[in-house]
Amino acid sequence: MKLPAFLKEQRKQNNLTQEELAAKSGVGLRLVRKIEQGKVTMRMDKVNQILALFGAELTVNFKEHRND
C-alpha cells in the first residue's frame, strides 16, 4: 500500500481529521495534507513522526538487482 492511501485509511479508521492528526503527531497540517495528496519529496523523520501513531514507519527496501 502506498503512503498516501495508508495514512488516509489509518486516519479515517481512527476517526481523526487532518487537523487532529497533525496536532496528535506534532507536525504541521500542511505536511499531513501534502502526504495524503502524494507529494513526492518530504522529510522522512517527519513522516515517521506521524506514522508512529499507527505503529508504522517508513523503511528502506532494497530491490533485487538483476544483471540481464
PDB file of N, CA and C in Angstrom:
ATOM      1  N   MET A   1       0.849  -1.171   0.000  1.00  0.00           N
ATOM      2  CA  MET A   1       0.000   0.000   0.000  1.00  0.00           C
ATOM      3  C   MET A   1       0.895   1.234   0.000  1.00  0.00           C
ATOM      4  N   LYS A   2       0.536   2.208  -0.761  1.00  0.00           N
ATOM      5  CA  LYS A   2       1.315   3.441  -0.840  1.00  0.00           C
ATOM      6  C   LYS A   2       1.007   4.337   0.363  1.00  0.00           C
ATOM      7  N   LEU A   3       1.989   5.152   0.708  1.00  0.00           N
ATOM      8  CA  LEU A   3       1.900   6.003   1.891  1.00  0.00           C
ATOM      9  C   LEU A   3       0.654   6.892   1.923  1.00  0.00           C
ATOM     10  N   PRO A   4       0.314   7.613   0.851  1.00  0.00           N
ATOM     11  CA  PRO A   4      -0.879   8.469   0.932  1.00  0.00           C
ATOM     12  C   PRO A   4      -2.148   7.688   1.293  1.00  0.00           C
ATOM     13  N   ALA A   5      -2.351   6.548   0.668  1.00  0.00           N
ATOM     14  CA  ALA A   5      -3.548   5.737   0.946  1.00  0.00           C
ATOM     15  C   ALA A   5      -3.504   5.174   2.359  1.00  0.00           C
ATOM     16  N   PHE A   6      -2.325   4.710   2.794  1.00  0.00           N
ATOM     17  CA  PHE A   6      -2.186   4.162   4.146  1.00  0.00           C
ATOM     18  C   PHE A   6      -2.526   5.208   5.195  1.00  0.00           C
ATOM     19  N   LEU A   7      -1.947   6.388   5.051  1.00  0.00           N
ATOM     20  CA  LEU A   7      -2.165   7.433   6.047  1.00  0.00           C
ATOM     21  C   LEU A   7      -3.636   7.840   6.109  1.00  0.00           C
ATOM     22  N   LYS A   8      -4.235   8.038   4.951  1.00  0.00           N
ATOM     23  CA  LYS A   8      -5.643   8.440   4.922  1.00  0.00           C
ATOM     24  C   LYS A   8      -6.534   7.364   5.531  1.00  0.00           C
ATOM     25  N   GLU A   9      -6.265   6.102   5.191  1.00  0.00           N
ATOM     26  CA  GLU A   9      -7.053   4.995   5.731  1.00  0.00           C
ATOM     27  C   GLU A   9      -6.910   4.911   7.253  1.00  0.00           C
ATOM     28  N   GLN A  10      -5.697   4.996   7.748  1.00  0.00           N
ATOM     29  CA  GLN A  10      -5.466   4.931   9.195  1.00  0.00           C
ATOM     30  C   GLN A  10      -6.117   6.109   9.913  1.00  0.00           C
ATOM     31  N   ARG A  11      -6.005   7.282   9.315  1.00  0.00           N
ATOM     32  CA  ARG A  11      -6.606   8.474   9.921  1.00  0.00           C
ATOM     33  C   ARG A  11      -8.111   8.317  10.036  1.00  0.00           C
ATOM     34  N   LYS A  12      -8.731   7.828   8.982  1.00  0.00           N
ATOM     35  CA  LYS A  12     -10.183   7.656   8.997  1.00  0.00           C
ATOM     36  C   LYS A  12     -10.616   6.540   9.943  1.00  0.00           C
ATOM     37  N   GLN A  13      -9.856   5.433   9.991  1.00  0.00           N
ATOM     38  CA  GLN A  13     -10.182   4.342  10.907  1.00  0.00           C
ATOM     39  C   GLN A  13     -10.104   4.795  12.368  1.00  0.00           C
ATOM     40  N   ASN A  14      -9.269   5.773  12.622  1.00  0.00           N
ATOM     41  CA  ASN A  14      -9.117   6.296  13.980  1.00  0.00           C
ATOM     42  C   ASN A  14      -9.949   7.552  14.210  1.00  0.00           C
ATOM     43  N   ASN A  15     -10.865   7.816  13.271  1.00  0.00           N
ATOM     44  CA  ASN A  15     -11.785   8.961  13.379  1.00  0.00           C
ATOM     45  C   ASN A  15     -11.067  10.279  13.650  1.00  0.00           C
ATOM     46  N   LEU A  16     -10.002  10.518  12.889  1.00  0.00           N
ATOM     47  CA  LEU A  16      -9.233  11.752  13.042  1.00  0.00           C
ATOM     48  C   LEU A  16      -9.389  12.624  11.808  1.00  0.00           C
ATOM     49  N   THR A  17      -9.505  13.916  12.021  1.00  0.00           N
ATOM     50  CA  THR A  17      -9.436  14.852  10.907  1.00  0.00           C
ATOM     51  C   THR A  17      -7.955  15.073  10.600  1.00  0.00           C
ATOM     52  N   GLN A  18      -7.668  15.693   9.493  1.00  0.00           N
ATOM     53  CA  GLN A  18      -6.269  16.009   9.188  1.00  0.00           C
ATOM     54  C   GLN A  18      -5.693  16.927  10.264  1.00  0.00           C
ATOM     55  N   GLU A  19      -6.490  17.852  10.743  1.00  0.00           N
ATOM     56  CA  GLU A  19      -6.043  18.778  11.786  1.00  0.00           C
ATOM     57  C   GLU A  19      -5.710  18.038  13.080  1.00  0.00           C
ATOM     58  N   GLU A  20      -6.559  17.093  13.451  1.00  0.00           N
ATOM     59  CA  GLU A  20      -6.325  16.319  14.674  1.00  0.00           C
ATOM     60  C   GLU A  20      -5.081  15.445  14.544  1.00  0.00           C
ATOM     61  N   LEU A  21      -4.903  14.833  13.370  1.00  0.00           N
ATOM     62  CA  LEU A  21      -3.720  14.007  13.150  1.00  0.00           C
ATOM     63  C   LEU A  21      -2.455  14.848  13.262  1.00  0.00           C
ATOM     64  N   ALA A  22      -2.460  16.011  12.659  1.00  0.00           N
ATOM     65  CA  ALA A  22      -1.299  16.900  12.735  1.00  0.00           C
ATOM     66  C   ALA A  22      -0.987  17.259  14.187  1.00  0.00           C
ATOM     67  N   ALA A  23      -2.009  17.617  14.939  1.00  0.00           N
ATOM     68  CA  ALA A  23      -1.808  18.002  16.338  1.00  0.00           C
ATOM     69  C   ALA A  23      -1.307  16.832  17.182  1.00  0.00           C
ATOM     70  N   LYS A  24      -1.903  15.663  17.009  1.00  0.00           N
ATOM     71  CA  LYS A  24      -1.510  14.488  17.804  1.00  0.00           C
ATOM     72  C   LYS A  24      -0.101  14.018  17.482  1.00  0.00           C
ATOM     73  N   SER A  25       0.319  14.174  16.238  1.00  0.00           N
ATOM     74  CA  SER A  25       1.646  13.697  15.850  1.00  0.00           C
ATOM     75  C   SER A  25       2.720  14.776  15.969  1.00  0.00           C
ATOM     76  N   GLY A  26       2.309  16.007  16.222  1.00  0.00           N
ATOM     77  CA  GLY A  26       3.272  17.085  16.419  1.00  0.00           C
ATOM     78  C   GLY A  26       3.881  17.632  15.141  1.00  0.00           C
ATOM     79  N   VAL A  27       3.166  17.518  14.047  1.00  0.00           N
ATOM     80  CA  VAL A  27       3.632  18.082  12.777  1.00  0.00           C
ATOM     81  C   VAL A  27       2.598  19.084  12.275  1.00  0.00           C
ATOM     82  N   GLY A  28       2.940  19.803  11.226  1.00  0.00           N
ATOM     83  CA  GLY A  28       2.031  20.792  10.674  1.00  0.00           C
ATOM     84  C   GLY A  28       0.937  20.173   9.818  1.00  0.00           C
ATOM     85  N   LEU A  29      -0.203  20.826   9.793  1.00  0.00           N
ATOM     86  CA  LEU A  29      -1.334  20.393   8.967  1.00  0.00           C
ATOM     87  C   LEU A  29      -0.923  20.321   7.502  1.00  0.00           C
ATOM     88  N   ARG A  30      -0.113  21.237   7.071  1.00  0.00           N
ATOM     89  CA  ARG A  30       0.330  21.274   5.683  1.00  0.00           C
ATOM     90  C   ARG A  30       1.032  19.970   5.286  1.00  0.00           C
ATOM     91  N   LEU A  31       1.859  19.437   6.185  1.00  0.00           N
ATOM     92  CA  LEU A  31       2.564  18.190   5.891  1.00  0.00           C
ATOM     93  C   LEU A  31       1.582  17.035   5.741  1.00  0.00           C
ATOM     94  N   VAL A  32       0.621  16.941   6.642  1.00  0.00           N
ATOM     95  CA  VAL A  32      -0.381  15.874   6.558  1.00  0.00           C
ATOM     96  C   VAL A  32      -1.108  15.957   5.216  1.00  0.00           C
ATOM     97  N   ARG A  33      -1.494  17.147   4.836  1.00  0.00           N
ATOM     98  CA  ARG A  33      -2.200  17.326   3.555  1.00  0.00           C
ATOM     99  C   ARG A  33      -1.322  16.937   2.376  1.00  0.00           C
ATOM    100  N   LYS A  34      -0.053  17.326   2.409  1.00  0.00           N
ATOM    101  CA  LYS A  34       0.857  17.005   1.308  1.00  0.00           C
ATOM    102  C   LYS A  34       1.081  15.502   1.191  1.00  0.00           C
ATOM    103  N   ILE A  35       1.192  14.821   2.316  1.00  0.00           N
ATOM    104  CA  ILE A  35       1.377  13.372   2.265  1.00  0.00           C
ATOM    105  C   ILE A  35       0.150  12.709   1.646  1.00  0.00           C
ATOM    106  N   GLU A  36      -1.023  13.080   2.118  1.00  0.00           N
ATOM    107  CA  GLU A  36      -2.249  12.475   1.594  1.00  0.00           C
ATOM    108  C   GLU A  36      -2.465  12.799   0.122  1.00  0.00           C
ATOM    109  N   GLN A  37      -1.901  13.892  -0.353  1.00  0.00           N
ATOM    110  CA  GLN A  37      -2.020  14.266  -1.767  1.00  0.00           C
ATOM    111  C   GLN A  37      -0.936  13.609  -2.620  1.00  0.00           C
ATOM    112  N   GLY A  38      -0.002  12.906  -1.983  1.00  0.00           N
ATOM    113  CA  GLY A  38       1.018  12.191  -2.734  1.00  0.00           C
ATOM    114  C   GLY A  38       2.245  13.000  -3.092  1.00  0.00           C
ATOM    115  N   LYS A  39       2.537  14.046  -2.333  1.00  0.00           N
ATOM    116  CA  LYS A  39       3.747  14.830  -2.585  1.00  0.00           C
ATOM    117  C   LYS A  39       4.955  13.901  -2.553  1.00  0.00           C
ATOM    118  N   VAL A  40       5.860  14.060  -3.489  1.00  0.00           N
ATOM    119  CA  VAL A  40       6.964  13.118  -3.604  1.00  0.00           C
ATOM    120  C   VAL A  40       8.178  13.437  -2.740  1.00  0.00           C
ATOM    121  N   THR A  41       8.368  14.663  -2.362  1.00  0.00           N
ATOM    122  CA  THR A  41       9.536  14.980  -1.537  1.00  0.00           C
ATOM    123  C   THR A  41       9.093  15.501  -0.180  1.00  0.00           C
ATOM    124  N   MET A  42       9.636  14.891   0.858  1.00  0.00           N
ATOM    125  CA  MET A  42       9.349  15.333   2.218  1.00  0.00           C
ATOM    126  C   MET A  42      10.372  14.720   3.151  1.00  0.00           C
ATOM    127  N   ARG A  43      10.437  15.204   4.368  1.00  0.00           N
ATOM    128  CA  ARG A  43      11.384  14.694   5.345  1.00  0.00           C
ATOM    129  C   ARG A  43      10.869  13.402   5.954  1.00  0.00           C
ATOM    130  N   MET A  44      11.678  12.352   5.852  1.00  0.00           N
ATOM    131  CA  MET A  44      11.268  11.047   6.375  1.00  0.00           C
ATOM    132  C   MET A  44      11.073  11.073   7.879  1.00  0.00           C
ATOM    133  N   ASP A  45      11.862  11.857   8.603  1.00  0.00           N
ATOM    134  CA  ASP A  45      11.695  11.894  10.055  1.00  0.00           C
ATOM    135  C   ASP A  45      10.323  12.436  10.432  1.00  0.00           C
ATOM    136  N   LYS A  46       9.840  13.406   9.679  1.00  0.00           N
ATOM    137  CA  LYS A  46       8.513  13.969   9.955  1.00  0.00           C
ATOM    138  C   LYS A  46       7.420  12.979   9.569  1.00  0.00           C
ATOM    139  N   VAL A  47       7.610  12.279   8.466  1.00  0.00           N
ATOM    140  CA  VAL A  47       6.641  11.258   8.051  1.00  0.00           C
ATOM    141  C   VAL A  47       6.580  10.168   9.121  1.00  0.00           C
ATOM    142  N   ASN A  48       7.734   9.709   9.596  1.00  0.00           N
ATOM    143  CA  ASN A  48       7.772   8.671  10.630  1.00  0.00           C
ATOM    144  C   ASN A  48       7.176   9.164  11.945  1.00  0.00           C
ATOM    145  N   GLN A  49       7.274  10.441  12.217  1.00  0.00           N
ATOM    146  CA  GLN A  49       6.655  11.008  13.413  1.00  0.00           C
ATOM    147  C   GLN A  49       5.140  10.808  13.363  1.00  0.00           C
ATOM    148  N   ILE A  50       4.562  10.978  12.199  1.00  0.00           N
ATOM    149  CA  ILE A  50       3.115  10.769  12.025  1.00  0.00           C
ATOM    150  C   ILE A  50       2.786   9.280  12.076  1.00  0.00           C
ATOM    151  N   LEU A  51       3.530   8.471  11.326  1.00  0.00           N
ATOM    152  CA  LEU A  51       3.245   7.042  11.246  1.00  0.00           C
ATOM    153  C   LEU A  51       3.388   6.341  12.589  1.00  0.00           C
ATOM    154  N   ALA A  52       4.207   6.874  13.474  1.00  0.00           N
ATOM    155  CA  ALA A  52       4.400   6.269  14.800  1.00  0.00           C
ATOM    156  C   ALA A  52       3.077   6.163  15.561  1.00  0.00           C
ATOM    157  N   LEU A  53       2.145   7.064  15.289  1.00  0.00           N
ATOM    158  CA  LEU A  53       0.831   6.998  15.953  1.00  0.00           C
ATOM    159  C   LEU A  53       0.084   5.711  15.612  1.00  0.00           C
ATOM    160  N   PHE A  54       0.401   5.136  14.456  1.00  0.00           N
ATOM    161  CA  PHE A  54      -0.288   3.942  13.996  1.00  0.00           C
ATOM    162  C   PHE A  54       0.609   2.709  14.051  1.00  0.00           C
ATOM    163  N   GLY A  55       1.723   2.815  14.764  1.00  0.00           N
ATOM    164  CA  GLY A  55       2.632   1.689  14.909  1.00  0.00           C
ATOM    165  C   GLY A  55       3.334   1.311  13.614  1.00  0.00           C
ATOM    166  N   ALA A  56       3.595   2.292  12.772  1.00  0.00           N
ATOM    167  CA  ALA A  56       4.234   2.038  11.477  1.00  0.00           C
ATOM    168  C   ALA A  56       5.390   3.011  11.272  1.00  0.00           C
ATOM    169  N   GLU A  57       6.274   2.684  10.332  1.00  0.00           N
ATOM    170  CA  GLU A  57       7.353   3.587   9.957  1.00  0.00           C
ATOM    171  C   GLU A  57       7.806   3.289   8.535  1.00  0.00           C
ATOM    172  N   LEU A  58       8.384   4.300   7.895  1.00  0.00           N
ATOM    173  CA  LEU A  58       8.974   4.106   6.579  1.00  0.00           C
ATOM    174  C   LEU A  58      10.333   3.467   6.761  1.00  0.00           C
ATOM    175  N   THR A  59      10.663   2.541   5.891  1.00  0.00           N
ATOM    176  CA  THR A  59      11.967   1.896   5.936  1.00  0.00           C
ATOM    177  C   THR A  59      12.523   1.785   4.522  1.00  0.00           C
ATOM    178  N   VAL A  60      13.784   1.455   4.443  1.00  0.00           N
ATOM    179  CA  VAL A  60      14.415   1.223   3.150  1.00  0.00           C
ATOM    180  C   VAL A  60      14.162  -0.218   2.743  1.00  0.00           C
ATOM    181  N   ASN A  61      13.766  -0.401   1.517  1.00  0.00           N
ATOM    182  CA  ASN A  61      13.513  -1.735   0.985  1.00  0.00           C
ATOM    183  C   ASN A  61      14.400  -1.907  -0.242  1.00  0.00           C
ATOM    184  N   PHE A  62      15.410  -2.772  -0.145  1.00  0.00           N
ATOM    185  CA  PHE A  62      16.317  -2.986  -1.262  1.00  0.00           C
ATOM    186  C   PHE A  62      15.667  -3.869  -2.313  1.00  0.00           C
ATOM    187  N   LYS A  63      15.713  -3.399  -3.536  1.00  0.00           N
ATOM    188  CA  LYS A  63      15.200  -4.186  -4.656  1.00  0.00           C
ATOM    189  C   LYS A  63      16.289  -5.132  -5.110  1.00  0.00           C
ATOM    190  N   GLU A  64      15.868  -6.281  -5.583  1.00  0.00           N
ATOM    191  CA  GLU A  64      16.825  -7.255  -6.092  1.00  0.00           C
ATOM    192  C   GLU A  64      17.458  -6.698  -7.363  1.00  0.00           C
ATOM    193  N   HIS A  65      18.782  -6.695  -7.386  1.00  0.00           N
ATOM    194  CA  HIS A  65      19.492  -6.194  -8.558  1.00  0.00           C
ATOM    195  C   HIS A  65      19.644  -7.323  -9.577  1.00  0.00           C
ATOM    196  N   ARG A  66      19.224  -7.056 -10.776  1.00  0.00           N
ATOM    197  CA  ARG A  66      19.300  -8.084 -11.818  1.00  0.00           C
ATOM    198  C   ARG A  66      20.244  -7.614 -12.907  1.00  0.00           C
ATOM    199  N   ASN A  67      21.091  -8.484 -13.356  1.00  0.00           N
ATOM    200  CA  ASN A  67      22.007  -8.210 -14.463  1.00  0.00           C
ATOM    201  C   ASN A  67      21.569  -8.972 -15.694  1.00  0.00           C
ATOM    202  N   ASP A  68      20.523  -8.491 -16.345  1.00  0.00           N
ATOM    203  CA  ASP A  68      20.013  -9.177 -17.550  1.00  0.00           C
ATOM    204  C   ASP A  68      20.644  -8.612 -18.794  1.00  0.00           C
TER     205      ASP A  68
END
